[in-house]
Every structure is written in C-alpha cells, then in structure tokens.
Amino acid sequence: MTYSVLDTMQGTRTATRPKGYFLIEDAIVQRVGLTAAAVYGLVRSYCGMRYGCCYASHEAIGRRLGLSRATVGRAIRALLDAGLIVDTTPWLRRKTHIYVTRDLVMELPKPNARADSGAA
C-alpha cells in the first residue's frame, strides 16, 4: 500500500517501502561506485531494522547481492575509507563485524573529557 506525502507529513499514515527493496543513492554511486553503493544500501537497510546496526557477514551480503565475499570486502573497505560506514568492531579477525552508517553514529565524548572538565 502506498501513502501520499501529505498523509505521511500529517502523521496519519506511515510510508514504507515494499519488503525486499533498499535504496541506492545516486550521490553514493558517484562517490564510491555502483557495487559499493549497493553494499551501502543493504547495510543501511539492515541498520534500519530492530538493532540499528548491520551484523550480516560478507558472505550473507554477497549472497543477497550476487557478489563474492572478496568483492563485498573491497566494497566495505571503500565505504569505510569514504567515511560512509563505521566498523564498531575493528579488532575482530575472521569474524562478522558490526557496521553502522555514519548518520547513525553518535558523537561520544573523548575518554579524557571528564578528567579535563574538572581541572581548573
């Protein structure tokens, strides 16, 4: 079912995309290429789910998009380098990482900010 923009703005309806679809933004395609933009779109759609992050393995992302694990790895690296996603578990090796999109990352205080604020 599709709702009008007016219904959505008034809060009377919630506009939703059909299941099984995700957005690939043109600006992202221009910045990192089509393959990485497709990976970004899928990661972002996972971030919009229950837990707010993407916990899918490179293999699972590849199966969904018809890409190899190595291609997904290169796309993830391009997205990380472009600052579009953040790896919240960079210390993991050969395990599934947890990714969030940059727009979902909260600015956290620096570890020594509390110590500095009390100093006179």
PDB file of N, CA and C in Angstrom:
ATOM      1  N   MET A   1       0.840  -1.168   0.000  1.00  0.00           N
ATOM      2  CA  MET A   1       0.000   0.000   0.000  1.00  0.00           C
ATOM      3  C   MET A   1       0.891   1.240   0.000  1.00  0.00           C
ATOM      4  N   THR A   2       0.545   2.231  -0.775  1.00  0.00           N
ATOM      5  CA  THR A   2       1.313   3.459  -0.867  1.00  0.00           C
ATOM      6  C   THR A   2       0.508   4.598  -0.260  1.00  0.00           C
ATOM      7  N   TYR A   3       1.177   5.452   0.493  1.00  0.00           N
ATOM      8  CA  TYR A   3       0.515   6.594   1.110  1.00  0.00           C
ATOM      9  C   TYR A   3       1.073   7.877   0.517  1.00  0.00           C
ATOM     10  N   SER A   4       0.264   8.909   0.543  1.00  0.00           N
ATOM     11  CA  SER A   4       0.703  10.181  -0.013  1.00  0.00           C
ATOM     12  C   SER A   4       1.673  10.861   0.943  1.00  0.00           C
ATOM     13  N   VAL A   5       2.430  11.786   0.410  1.00  0.00           N
ATOM     14  CA  VAL A   5       3.355  12.562   1.233  1.00  0.00           C
ATOM     15  C   VAL A   5       2.580  13.349   2.278  1.00  0.00           C
ATOM     16  N   LEU A   6       1.416  13.865   1.907  1.00  0.00           N
ATOM     17  CA  LEU A   6       0.601  14.628   2.849  1.00  0.00           C
ATOM     18  C   LEU A   6       0.177  13.766   4.031  1.00  0.00           C
ATOM     19  N   ASP A   7      -0.283  12.539   3.775  1.00  0.00           N
ATOM     20  CA  ASP A   7      -0.650  11.635   4.864  1.00  0.00           C
ATOM     21  C   ASP A   7       0.536  11.393   5.784  1.00  0.00           C
ATOM     22  N   THR A   8       1.696  11.219   5.194  1.00  0.00           N
ATOM     23  CA  THR A   8       2.895  10.956   5.983  1.00  0.00           C
ATOM     24  C   THR A   8       3.270  12.169   6.823  1.00  0.00           C
ATOM     25  N   MET A   9       3.200  13.365   6.224  1.00  0.00           N
ATOM     26  CA  MET A   9       3.568  14.582   6.954  1.00  0.00           C
ATOM     27  C   MET A   9       2.607  14.853   8.106  1.00  0.00           C
ATOM     28  N   GLN A  10       1.338  14.516   7.918  1.00  0.00           N
ATOM     29  CA  GLN A  10       0.354  14.744   8.965  1.00  0.00           C
ATOM     30  C   GLN A  10       0.402  13.659  10.029  1.00  0.00           C
ATOM     31  N   GLY A  11       1.173  12.623   9.787  1.00  0.00           N
ATOM     32  CA  GLY A  11       1.311  11.560  10.764  1.00  0.00           C
ATOM     33  C   GLY A  11       0.150  10.586  10.779  1.00  0.00           C
ATOM     34  N   THR A  12      -0.723  10.648   9.787  1.00  0.00           N
ATOM     35  CA  THR A  12      -1.865   9.745   9.772  1.00  0.00           C
ATOM     36  C   THR A  12      -1.516   8.391   9.175  1.00  0.00           C
ATOM     37  N   ARG A  13      -0.458   8.324   8.424  1.00  0.00           N
ATOM     38  CA  ARG A  13      -0.017   7.073   7.817  1.00  0.00           C
ATOM     39  C   ARG A  13       1.502   7.008   7.903  1.00  0.00           C
ATOM     40  N   THR A  14       2.016   5.824   7.793  1.00  0.00           N
ATOM     41  CA  THR A  14       3.456   5.629   7.746  1.00  0.00           C
ATOM     42  C   THR A  14       3.821   5.112   6.363  1.00  0.00           C
ATOM     43  N   ALA A  15       4.641   5.866   5.659  1.00  0.00           N
ATOM     44  CA  ALA A  15       5.072   5.425   4.337  1.00  0.00           C
ATOM     45  C   ALA A  15       6.154   4.375   4.514  1.00  0.00           C
ATOM     46  N   THR A  16       6.013   3.262   3.843  1.00  0.00           N
ATOM     47  CA  THR A  16       7.009   2.204   3.917  1.00  0.00           C
ATOM     48  C   THR A  16       7.349   1.738   2.522  1.00  0.00           C
ATOM     49  N   ARG A  17       8.567   1.249   2.382  1.00  0.00           N
ATOM     50  CA  ARG A  17       8.967   0.637   1.124  1.00  0.00           C
ATOM     51  C   ARG A  17       8.492  -0.809   1.132  1.00  0.00           C
ATOM     52  N   PRO A  18       8.223  -1.353  -0.032  1.00  0.00           N
ATOM     53  CA  PRO A  18       7.888  -2.780  -0.087  1.00  0.00           C
ATOM     54  C   PRO A  18       9.058  -3.602   0.436  1.00  0.00           C
ATOM     55  N   LYS A  19       8.786  -4.709   1.084  1.00  0.00           N
ATOM     56  CA  LYS A  19       9.865  -5.559   1.594  1.00  0.00           C
ATOM     57  C   LYS A  19      10.691  -6.092   0.439  1.00  0.00           C
ATOM     58  N   GLY A  20      11.975  -6.262   0.688  1.00  0.00           N
ATOM     59  CA  GLY A  20      12.859  -6.783  -0.334  1.00  0.00           C
ATOM     60  C   GLY A  20      13.539  -5.719  -1.167  1.00  0.00           C
ATOM     61  N   TYR A  21      13.299  -4.451  -0.868  1.00  0.00           N
ATOM     62  CA  TYR A  21      13.913  -3.357  -1.608  1.00  0.00           C
ATOM     63  C   TYR A  21      14.742  -2.499  -0.669  1.00  0.00           C
ATOM     64  N   PHE A  22      15.785  -1.889  -1.230  1.00  0.00           N
ATOM     65  CA  PHE A  22      16.549  -0.895  -0.491  1.00  0.00           C
ATOM     66  C   PHE A  22      17.025   0.158  -1.474  1.00  0.00           C
ATOM     67  N   LEU A  23      17.342   1.318  -0.954  1.00  0.00           N
ATOM     68  CA  LEU A  23      17.729   2.443  -1.796  1.00  0.00           C
ATOM     69  C   LEU A  23      19.209   2.403  -2.153  1.00  0.00           C
ATOM     70  N   ILE A  24      19.498   2.803  -3.373  1.00  0.00           N
ATOM     71  CA  ILE A  24      20.872   3.065  -3.794  1.00  0.00           C
ATOM     72  C   ILE A  24      20.882   4.523  -4.221  1.00  0.00           C
ATOM     73  N   GLU A  25      21.516   5.355  -3.426  1.00  0.00           N
ATOM     74  CA  GLU A  25      21.509   6.793  -3.682  1.00  0.00           C
ATOM     75  C   GLU A  25      22.518   7.158  -4.758  1.00  0.00           C
ATOM     76  N   ASP A  26      22.109   8.030  -5.667  1.00  0.00           N
ATOM     77  CA  ASP A  26      22.959   8.439  -6.774  1.00  0.00           C
ATOM     78  C   ASP A  26      24.248   9.097  -6.286  1.00  0.00           C
ATOM     79  N   ALA A  27      24.150   9.906  -5.239  1.00  0.00           N
ATOM     80  CA  ALA A  27      25.352  10.572  -4.718  1.00  0.00           C
ATOM     81  C   ALA A  27      26.367   9.556  -4.202  1.00  0.00           C
ATOM     82  N   ILE A  28      25.877   8.463  -3.633  1.00  0.00           N
ATOM     83  CA  ILE A  28      26.778   7.415  -3.137  1.00  0.00           C
ATOM     84  C   ILE A  28      27.417   6.688  -4.313  1.00  0.00           C
ATOM     85  N   VAL A  29      26.631   6.425  -5.366  1.00  0.00           N
ATOM     86  CA  VAL A  29      27.171   5.781  -6.568  1.00  0.00           C
ATOM     87  C   VAL A  29      28.290   6.634  -7.148  1.00  0.00           C
ATOM     88  N   GLN A  30      28.072   7.944  -7.231  1.00  0.00           N
ATOM     89  CA  GLN A  30      29.093   8.838  -7.770  1.00  0.00           C
ATOM     90  C   GLN A  30      30.352   8.832  -6.912  1.00  0.00           C
ATOM     91  N   ARG A  31      30.187   8.655  -5.628  1.00  0.00           N
ATOM     92  CA  ARG A  31      31.327   8.734  -4.703  1.00  0.00           C
ATOM     93  C   ARG A  31      32.145   7.452  -4.642  1.00  0.00           C
ATOM     94  N   VAL A  32      31.463   6.275  -4.598  1.00  0.00           N
ATOM     95  CA  VAL A  32      32.196   5.024  -4.384  1.00  0.00           C
ATOM     96  C   VAL A  32      31.952   3.964  -5.454  1.00  0.00           C
ATOM     97  N   GLY A  33      31.092   4.237  -6.425  1.00  0.00           N
ATOM     98  CA  GLY A  33      30.811   3.257  -7.474  1.00  0.00           C
ATOM     99  C   GLY A  33      29.560   2.446  -7.163  1.00  0.00           C
ATOM    100  N   LEU A  34      29.055   1.780  -8.192  1.00  0.00           N
ATOM    101  CA  LEU A  34      27.773   1.082  -8.080  1.00  0.00           C
ATOM    102  C   LEU A  34      27.823  -0.099  -7.112  1.00  0.00           C
ATOM    103  N   THR A  35      28.870  -0.899  -7.166  1.00  0.00           N
ATOM    104  CA  THR A  35      28.937  -2.077  -6.297  1.00  0.00           C
ATOM    105  C   THR A  35      28.969  -1.669  -4.832  1.00  0.00           C
ATOM    106  N   ALA A  36      29.852  -0.739  -4.483  1.00  0.00           N
ATOM    107  CA  ALA A  36      29.935  -0.282  -3.088  1.00  0.00           C
ATOM    108  C   ALA A  36      28.644   0.417  -2.671  1.00  0.00           C
ATOM    109  N   ALA A  37      28.000   1.130  -3.598  1.00  0.00           N
ATOM    110  CA  ALA A  37      26.738   1.799  -3.272  1.00  0.00           C
ATOM    111  C   ALA A  37      25.641   0.772  -2.990  1.00  0.00           C
ATOM    112  N   ALA A  38      25.641  -0.339  -3.722  1.00  0.00           N
ATOM    113  CA  ALA A  38      24.665  -1.400  -3.462  1.00  0.00           C
ATOM    114  C   ALA A  38      24.913  -2.014  -2.091  1.00  0.00           C
ATOM    115  N   VAL A  39      26.166  -2.241  -1.750  1.00  0.00           N
ATOM    116  CA  VAL A  39      26.505  -2.765  -0.417  1.00  0.00           C
ATOM    117  C   VAL A  39      26.073  -1.763   0.650  1.00  0.00           C
ATOM    118  N   TYR A  40      26.322  -0.477   0.418  1.00  0.00           N
ATOM    119  CA  TYR A  40      25.906   0.559   1.360  1.00  0.00           C
ATOM    120  C   TYR A  40      24.387   0.554   1.552  1.00  0.00           C
ATOM    121  N   GLY A  41      23.649   0.449   0.451  1.00  0.00           N
ATOM    122  CA  GLY A  41      22.191   0.424   0.541  1.00  0.00           C
ATOM    123  C   GLY A  41      21.697  -0.735   1.386  1.00  0.00           C
ATOM    124  N   LEU A  42      22.311  -1.904   1.218  1.00  0.00           N
ATOM    125  CA  LEU A  42      21.907  -3.068   2.000  1.00  0.00           C
ATOM    126  C   LEU A  42      22.313  -2.908   3.464  1.00  0.00           C
ATOM    127  N   VAL A  43      23.537  -2.442   3.713  1.00  0.00           N
ATOM    128  CA  VAL A  43      23.977  -2.201   5.100  1.00  0.00           C
ATOM    129  C   VAL A  43      23.048  -1.195   5.770  1.00  0.00           C
ATOM    130  N   ARG A  44      22.702  -0.148   5.053  1.00  0.00           N
ATOM    131  CA  ARG A  44      21.812   0.873   5.625  1.00  0.00           C
ATOM    132  C   ARG A  44      20.424   0.313   5.901  1.00  0.00           C
ATOM    133  N   SER A  45      19.947  -0.564   5.039  1.00  0.00           N
ATOM    134  CA  SER A  45      18.629  -1.159   5.291  1.00  0.00           C
ATOM    135  C   SER A  45      18.680  -2.063   6.516  1.00  0.00           C
ATOM    136  N   TYR A  46      19.783  -2.779   6.700  1.00  0.00           N
ATOM    137  CA  TYR A  46      19.934  -3.582   7.917  1.00  0.00           C
ATOM    138  C   TYR A  46      20.004  -2.685   9.153  1.00  0.00           C
ATOM    139  N   CYS A  47      20.653  -1.531   9.029  1.00  0.00           N
ATOM    140  CA  CYS A  47      20.742  -0.599  10.158  1.00  0.00           C
ATOM    141  C   CYS A  47      19.377  -0.041  10.538  1.00  0.00           C
ATOM    142  N   GLY A  48      18.442  -0.039   9.607  1.00  0.00           N
ATOM    143  CA  GLY A  48      17.102   0.434   9.887  1.00  0.00           C
ATOM    144  C   GLY A  48      16.212  -0.609  10.535  1.00  0.00           C
ATOM    145  N   MET A  49      16.750  -1.773  10.785  1.00  0.00           N
ATOM    146  CA  MET A  49      15.969  -2.839  11.397  1.00  0.00           C
ATOM    147  C   MET A  49      16.049  -2.760  12.921  1.00  0.00           C
ATOM    148  N   ARG A  50      15.670  -3.811  13.552  1.00  0.00           N
ATOM    149  CA  ARG A  50      15.481  -3.869  15.001  1.00  0.00           C
ATOM    150  C   ARG A  50      16.662  -3.370  15.829  1.00  0.00           C
ATOM    151  N   TYR A  51      17.873  -3.785  15.504  1.00  0.00           N
ATOM    152  CA  TYR A  51      19.020  -3.465  16.352  1.00  0.00           C
ATOM    153  C   TYR A  51      19.777  -2.208  15.947  1.00  0.00           C
ATOM    154  N   GLY A  52      19.465  -1.626  14.821  1.00  0.00           N
ATOM    155  CA  GLY A  52      20.099  -0.381  14.409  1.00  0.00           C
ATOM    156  C   GLY A  52      21.507  -0.520  13.889  1.00  0.00           C
ATOM    157  N   CYS A  53      21.906  -1.753  13.563  1.00  0.00           N
ATOM    158  CA  CYS A  53      23.246  -1.969  13.025  1.00  0.00           C
ATOM    159  C   CYS A  53      23.191  -3.130  12.037  1.00  0.00           C
ATOM    160  N   CYS A  54      24.259  -3.300  11.294  1.00  0.00           N
ATOM    161  CA  CYS A  54      24.357  -4.391  10.334  1.00  0.00           C
ATOM    162  C   CYS A  54      25.304  -5.434  10.890  1.00  0.00           C
ATOM    163  N   TYR A  55      24.774  -6.615  11.140  1.00  0.00           N
ATOM    164  CA  TYR A  55      25.573  -7.715  11.661  1.00  0.00           C
ATOM    165  C   TYR A  55      25.665  -8.841  10.638  1.00  0.00           C
ATOM    166  N   ALA A  56      25.433  -8.538   9.383  1.00  0.00           N
ATOM    167  CA  ALA A  56      25.490  -9.552   8.327  1.00  0.00           C
ATOM    168  C   ALA A  56      26.944  -9.800   7.925  1.00  0.00           C
ATOM    169  N   SER A  57      27.279 -11.049   7.688  1.00  0.00           N
ATOM    170  CA  SER A  57      28.628 -11.392   7.237  1.00  0.00           C
ATOM    171  C   SER A  57      28.815 -10.943   5.787  1.00  0.00           C
ATOM    172  N   HIS A  58      30.060 -10.880   5.364  1.00  0.00           N
ATOM    173  CA  HIS A  58      30.348 -10.537   3.968  1.00  0.00           C
ATOM    174  C   HIS A  58      29.724 -11.578   3.042  1.00  0.00           C
ATOM    175  N   GLU A  59      29.717 -12.838   3.477  1.00  0.00           N
ATOM    176  CA  GLU A  59      29.104 -13.897   2.678  1.00  0.00           C
ATOM    177  C   GLU A  59      27.601 -13.665   2.518  1.00  0.00           C
ATOM    178  N   ALA A  60      26.928 -13.292   3.620  1.00  0.00           N
ATOM    179  CA  ALA A  60      25.474 -13.059   3.567  1.00  0.00           C
ATOM    180  C   ALA A  60      25.144 -11.859   2.687  1.00  0.00           C
ATOM    181  N   ILE A  61      25.925 -10.803   2.801  1.00  0.00           N
ATOM    182  CA  ILE A  61      25.714  -9.631   1.942  1.00  0.00           C
ATOM    183  C   ILE A  61      25.934 -10.022   0.485  1.00  0.00           C
ATOM    184  N   GLY A  62      26.981 -10.789   0.235  1.00  0.00           N
ATOM    185  CA  GLY A  62      27.279 -11.237  -1.122  1.00  0.00           C
ATOM    186  C   GLY A  62      26.174 -12.099  -1.706  1.00  0.00           C
ATOM    187  N   ARG A  63      25.621 -13.009  -0.895  1.00  0.00           N
ATOM    188  CA  ARG A  63      24.508 -13.840  -1.378  1.00  0.00           C
ATOM    189  C   ARG A  63      23.310 -12.982  -1.759  1.00  0.00           C
ATOM    190  N   ARG A  64      23.016 -11.994  -0.940  1.00  0.00           N
ATOM    191  CA  ARG A  64      21.854 -11.133  -1.194  1.00  0.00           C
ATOM    192  C   ARG A  64      22.032 -10.303  -2.468  1.00  0.00           C
ATOM    193  N   LEU A  65      23.277  -9.889  -2.747  1.00  0.00           N
ATOM    194  CA  LEU A  65      23.538  -9.018  -3.893  1.00  0.00           C
ATOM    195  C   LEU A  65      24.128  -9.746  -5.098  1.00  0.00           C
ATOM    196  N   GLY A  66      24.427 -11.027  -4.949  1.00  0.00           N
ATOM    197  CA  GLY A  66      25.041 -11.769  -6.047  1.00  0.00           C
ATOM    198  C   GLY A  66      26.498 -11.413  -6.257  1.00  0.00           C
ATOM    199  N   LEU A  67      27.207 -11.144  -5.152  1.00  0.00           N
ATOM    200  CA  LEU A  67      28.618 -10.756  -5.200  1.00  0.00           C
ATOM    201  C   LEU A  67      29.461 -11.759  -4.425  1.00  0.00           C
ATOM    202  N   SER A  68      30.733 -11.825  -4.753  1.00  0.00           N
ATOM    203  CA  SER A  68      31.636 -12.700  -3.991  1.00  0.00           C
ATOM    204  C   SER A  68      31.998 -12.043  -2.660  1.00  0.00           C
ATOM    205  N   ARG A  69      32.472 -12.857  -1.721  1.00  0.00           N
ATOM    206  CA  ARG A  69      32.900 -12.345  -0.421  1.00  0.00           C
ATOM    207  C   ARG A  69      34.020 -11.329  -0.590  1.00  0.00           C
ATOM    208  N   ALA A  70      34.937 -11.599  -1.512  1.00  0.00           N
ATOM    209  CA  ALA A  70      36.058 -10.676  -1.746  1.00  0.00           C
ATOM    210  C   ALA A  70      35.565  -9.333  -2.286  1.00  0.00           C
ATOM    211  N   THR A  71      34.594  -9.363  -3.185  1.00  0.00           N
ATOM    212  CA  THR A  71      34.035  -8.121  -3.736  1.00  0.00           C
ATOM    213  C   THR A  71      33.335  -7.327  -2.647  1.00  0.00           C
ATOM    214  N   VAL A  72      32.583  -8.004  -1.790  1.00  0.00           N
ATOM    215  CA  VAL A  72      31.929  -7.324  -0.667  1.00  0.00           C
ATOM    216  C   VAL A  72      32.984  -6.729   0.256  1.00  0.00           C
ATOM    217  N   GLY A  73      34.052  -7.456   0.522  1.00  0.00           N
ATOM    218  CA  GLY A  73      35.130  -6.942   1.368  1.00  0.00           C
ATOM    219  C   GLY A  73      35.737  -5.673   0.805  1.00  0.00           C
ATOM    220  N   ARG A  74      35.971  -5.642  -0.509  1.00  0.00           N
ATOM    221  CA  ARG A  74      36.517  -4.435  -1.143  1.00  0.00           C
ATOM    222  C   ARG A  74      35.518  -3.284  -1.059  1.00  0.00           C
ATOM    223  N   ALA A  75      34.240  -3.585  -1.240  1.00  0.00           N
ATOM    224  CA  ALA A  75      33.211  -2.541  -1.155  1.00  0.00           C
ATOM    225  C   ALA A  75      33.122  -1.989   0.269  1.00  0.00           C
ATOM    226  N   ILE A  76      33.165  -2.866   1.258  1.00  0.00           N
ATOM    227  CA  ILE A  76      33.138  -2.431   2.662  1.00  0.00           C
ATOM    228  C   ILE A  76      34.340  -1.541   2.945  1.00  0.00           C
ATOM    229  N   ARG A  77      35.510  -1.921   2.458  1.00  0.00           N
ATOM    230  CA  ARG A  77      36.725  -1.118   2.660  1.00  0.00           C
ATOM    231  C   ARG A  77      36.553   0.251   2.010  1.00  0.00           C
ATOM    232  N   ALA A  78      35.981   0.315   0.813  1.00  0.00           N
ATOM    233  CA  ALA A  78      35.751   1.601   0.139  1.00  0.00           C
ATOM    234  C   ALA A  78      34.780   2.467   0.940  1.00  0.00           C
ATOM    235  N   LEU A  79      33.732   1.851   1.509  1.00  0.00           N
ATOM    236  CA  LEU A  79      32.766   2.601   2.316  1.00  0.00           C
ATOM    237  C   LEU A  79      33.392   3.094   3.613  1.00  0.00           C
ATOM    238  N   LEU A  80      34.234   2.278   4.220  1.00  0.00           N
ATOM    239  CA  LEU A  80      34.942   2.706   5.432  1.00  0.00           C
ATOM    240  C   LEU A  80      35.890   3.861   5.114  1.00  0.00           C
ATOM    241  N   ASP A  81      36.651   3.727   4.029  1.00  0.00           N
ATOM    242  CA  ASP A  81      37.605   4.771   3.626  1.00  0.00           C
ATOM    243  C   ASP A  81      36.898   6.076   3.281  1.00  0.00           C
ATOM    244  N   ALA A  82      35.688   5.974   2.714  1.00  0.00           N
ATOM    245  CA  ALA A  82      34.916   7.169   2.349  1.00  0.00           C
ATOM    246  C   ALA A  82      34.199   7.767   3.559  1.00  0.00           C
ATOM    247  N   GLY A  83      34.221   7.068   4.681  1.00  0.00           N
ATOM    248  CA  GLY A  83      33.573   7.565   5.887  1.00  0.00           C
ATOM    249  C   GLY A  83      32.061   7.399   5.885  1.00  0.00           C
ATOM    250  N   LEU A  84      31.542   6.535   5.031  1.00  0.00           N
ATOM    251  CA  LEU A  84      30.100   6.344   4.944  1.00  0.00           C
ATOM    252  C   LEU A  84      29.571   5.350   5.973  1.00  0.00           C
ATOM    253  N   ILE A  85      30.414   4.410   6.377  1.00  0.00           N
ATOM    254  CA  ILE A  85      30.045   3.472   7.430  1.00  0.00           C
ATOM    255  C   ILE A  85      31.155   3.432   8.464  1.00  0.00           C
ATOM    256  N   VAL A  86      30.832   2.907   9.633  1.00  0.00           N
ATOM    257  CA  VAL A  86      31.801   2.770  10.720  1.00  0.00           C
ATOM    258  C   VAL A  86      31.796   1.317  11.168  1.00  0.00           C
ATOM    259  N   ASP A  87      32.981   0.750  11.321  1.00  0.00           N
ATOM    260  CA  ASP A  87      33.130  -0.596  11.857  1.00  0.00           C
ATOM    261  C   ASP A  87      33.232  -0.464  13.365  1.00  0.00           C
ATOM    262  N   THR A  88      32.206  -0.928  14.089  1.00  0.00           N
ATOM    263  CA  THR A  88      32.210  -0.800  15.548  1.00  0.00           C
ATOM    264  C   THR A  88      33.018  -1.911  16.211  1.00  0.00           C
ATOM    265  N   THR A  89      33.498  -2.864  15.428  1.00  0.00           N
ATOM    266  CA  THR A  89      34.274  -3.990  15.954  1.00  0.00           C
ATOM    267  C   THR A  89      35.550  -4.210  15.133  1.00  0.00           C
ATOM    268  N   PRO A  90      36.404  -3.199  14.995  1.00  0.00           N
ATOM    269  CA  PRO A  90      37.561  -3.327  14.106  1.00  0.00           C
ATOM    270  C   PRO A  90      38.603  -4.335  14.589  1.00  0.00           C
ATOM    271  N   TRP A  91      38.574  -4.709  15.843  1.00  0.00           N
ATOM    272  CA  TRP A  91      39.561  -5.626  16.392  1.00  0.00           C
ATOM    273  C   TRP A  91      39.274  -7.090  16.005  1.00  0.00           C
ATOM    274  N   LEU A  92      38.085  -7.390  15.531  1.00  0.00           N
ATOM    275  CA  LEU A  92      37.743  -8.763  15.176  1.00  0.00           C
ATOM    276  C   LEU A  92      38.493  -9.204  13.928  1.00  0.00           C
ATOM    277  N   ARG A  93      38.923 -10.440  13.924  1.00  0.00           N
ATOM    278  CA  ARG A  93      39.590 -11.027  12.762  1.00  0.00           C
ATOM    279  C   ARG A  93      38.859 -12.301  12.382  1.00  0.00           C
ATOM    280  N   ARG A  94      38.508 -12.412  11.106  1.00  0.00           N
ATOM    281  CA  ARG A  94      37.836 -13.591  10.562  1.00  0.00           C
ATOM    282  C   ARG A  94      36.508 -13.895  11.252  1.00  0.00           C
ATOM    283  N   LYS A  95      35.837 -12.838  11.700  1.00  0.00           N
ATOM    284  CA  LYS A  95      34.510 -12.957  12.294  1.00  0.00           C
ATOM    285  C   LYS A  95      33.630 -11.852  11.708  1.00  0.00           C
ATOM    286  N   THR A  96      32.331 -11.985  11.919  1.00  0.00           N
ATOM    287  CA  THR A  96      31.396 -10.987  11.418  1.00  0.00           C
ATOM    288  C   THR A  96      31.539  -9.695  12.201  1.00  0.00           C
ATOM    289  N   HIS A  97      31.717  -8.602  11.490  1.00  0.00           N
ATOM    290  CA  HIS A  97      31.833  -7.288  12.110  1.00  0.00           C
ATOM    291  C   HIS A  97      30.460  -6.645  12.218  1.00  0.00           C
ATOM    292  N   ILE A  98      30.364  -5.630  13.053  1.00  0.00           N
ATOM    293  CA  ILE A  98      29.129  -4.871  13.197  1.00  0.00           C
ATOM    294  C   ILE A  98      29.367  -3.493  12.593  1.00  0.00           C
ATOM    295  N   TYR A  99      28.551  -3.138  11.596  1.00  0.00           N
ATOM    296  CA  TYR A  99      28.685  -1.864  10.911  1.00  0.00           C
ATOM    297  C   TYR A  99      27.477  -0.984  11.194  1.00  0.00           C
ATOM    298  N   VAL A 100      27.713   0.305  11.257  1.00  0.00           N
ATOM    299  CA  VAL A 100      26.636   1.287  11.314  1.00  0.00           C
ATOM    300  C   VAL A 100      26.934   2.342  10.261  1.00  0.00           C
ATOM    301  N   THR A 101      25.879   2.963   9.762  1.00  0.00           N
ATOM    302  CA  THR A 101      26.091   4.036   8.797  1.00  0.00           C
ATOM    303  C   THR A 101      26.454   5.303   9.556  1.00  0.00           C
ATOM    304  N   ARG A 102      27.182   6.167   8.911  1.00  0.00           N
ATOM    305  CA  ARG A 102      27.701   7.378   9.556  1.00  0.00           C
ATOM    306  C   ARG A 102      26.593   8.217  10.177  1.00  0.00           C
ATOM    307  N   ASP A 103      25.426   8.261   9.555  1.00  0.00           N
ATOM    308  CA  ASP A 103      24.341   9.085  10.087  1.00  0.00           C
ATOM    309  C   ASP A 103      23.747   8.513  11.377  1.00  0.00           C
ATOM    310  N   LEU A 104      24.071   7.270  11.716  1.00  0.00           N
ATOM    311  CA  LEU A 104      23.563   6.673  12.949  1.00  0.00           C
ATOM    312  C   LEU A 104      24.568   6.710  14.091  1.00  0.00           C
ATOM    313  N   VAL A 105      25.786   7.151  13.811  1.00  0.00           N
ATOM    314  CA  VAL A 105      26.827   7.161  14.834  1.00  0.00           C
ATOM    315  C   VAL A 105      26.643   8.370  15.739  1.00  0.00           C
ATOM    316  N   MET A 106      26.622   8.133  17.026  1.00  0.00           N
ATOM    317  CA  MET A 106      26.516   9.231  17.989  1.00  0.00           C
ATOM    318  C   MET A 106      27.922   9.715  18.317  1.00  0.00           C
ATOM    319  N   GLU A 107      28.051  11.004  18.512  1.00  0.00           N
ATOM    320  CA  GLU A 107      29.329  11.550  18.916  1.00  0.00           C
ATOM    321  C   GLU A 107      29.545  11.231  20.393  1.00  0.00           C
ATOM    322  N   LEU A 108      30.561  10.476  20.673  1.00  0.00           N
ATOM    323  CA  LEU A 108      30.864  10.104  22.056  1.00  0.00           C
ATOM    324  C   LEU A 108      31.940  11.027  22.607  1.00  0.00           C
ATOM    325  N   PRO A 109      31.892  11.338  23.901  1.00  0.00           N
ATOM    326  CA  PRO A 109      32.934  12.179  24.468  1.00  0.00           C
ATOM    327  C   PRO A 109      34.269  11.445  24.453  1.00  0.00           C
ATOM    328  N   LYS A 110      35.326  12.193  24.379  1.00  0.00           N
ATOM    329  CA  LYS A 110      36.658  11.602  24.429  1.00  0.00           C
ATOM    330  C   LYS A 110      36.878  11.004  25.810  1.00  0.00           C
ATOM    331  N   PRO A 111      37.661   9.950  25.916  1.00  0.00           N
ATOM    332  CA  PRO A 111      37.848   9.292  27.206  1.00  0.00           C
ATOM    333  C   PRO A 111      38.372  10.216  28.302  1.00  0.00           C
ATOM    334  N   ASN A 112      39.189  11.199  27.958  1.00  0.00           N
ATOM    335  CA  ASN A 112      39.758  12.078  28.987  1.00  0.00           C
ATOM    336  C   ASN A 112      38.953  13.357  29.148  1.00  0.00           C
ATOM    337  N   ALA A 113      37.785  13.471  28.516  1.00  0.00           N
ATOM    338  CA  ALA A 113      36.986  14.705  28.598  1.00  0.00           C
ATOM    339  C   ALA A 113      36.495  14.944  30.019  1.00  0.00           C
ATOM    340  N   ARG A 114      36.147  13.898  30.753  1.00  0.00           N
ATOM    341  CA  ARG A 114      35.659  14.057  32.120  1.00  0.00           C
ATOM    342  C   ARG A 114      36.779  14.557  33.020  1.00  0.00           C
ATOM    343  N   ALA A 115      37.978  14.039  32.859  1.00  0.00           N
ATOM    344  CA  ALA A 115      39.112  14.474  33.676  1.00  0.00           C
ATOM    345  C   ALA A 115      39.464  15.939  33.393  1.00  0.00           C
ATOM    346  N   ASP A 116      39.362  16.350  32.108  1.00  0.00           N
ATOM    347  CA  ASP A 116      39.688  17.712  31.733  1.00  0.00           C
ATOM    348  C   ASP A 116      38.654  18.714  32.238  1.00  0.00           C
ATOM    349  N   SER A 117      37.387  18.285  32.306  1.00  0.00           N
ATOM    350  CA  SER A 117      36.336  19.215  32.691  1.00  0.00           C
ATOM    351  C   SER A 117      36.423  19.618  34.161  1.00  0.00           C
ATOM    352  N   GLY A 118      37.010  18.763  35.012  1.00  0.00           N
ATOM    353  CA  GLY A 118      37.124  19.068  36.433  1.00  0.00           C
ATOM    354  C   GLY A 118      38.394  19.823  36.781  1.00  0.00           C
ATOM    355  N   ALA A 119      39.311  19.904  35.853  1.00  0.00           N
ATOM    356  CA  ALA A 119      40.585  20.587  36.127  1.00  0.00           C
ATOM    357  C   ALA A 119      40.390  22.094  36.067  1.00  0.00           C
ATOM    358  N   ALA A 120      41.057  22.793  36.959  1.00  0.00           N
ATOM    359  CA  ALA A 120      40.928  24.257  36.996  1.00  0.00           C
ATOM    360  C   ALA A 120      42.185  24.914  36.520  1.00  0.00           C
TER     361      ALA A 120
END
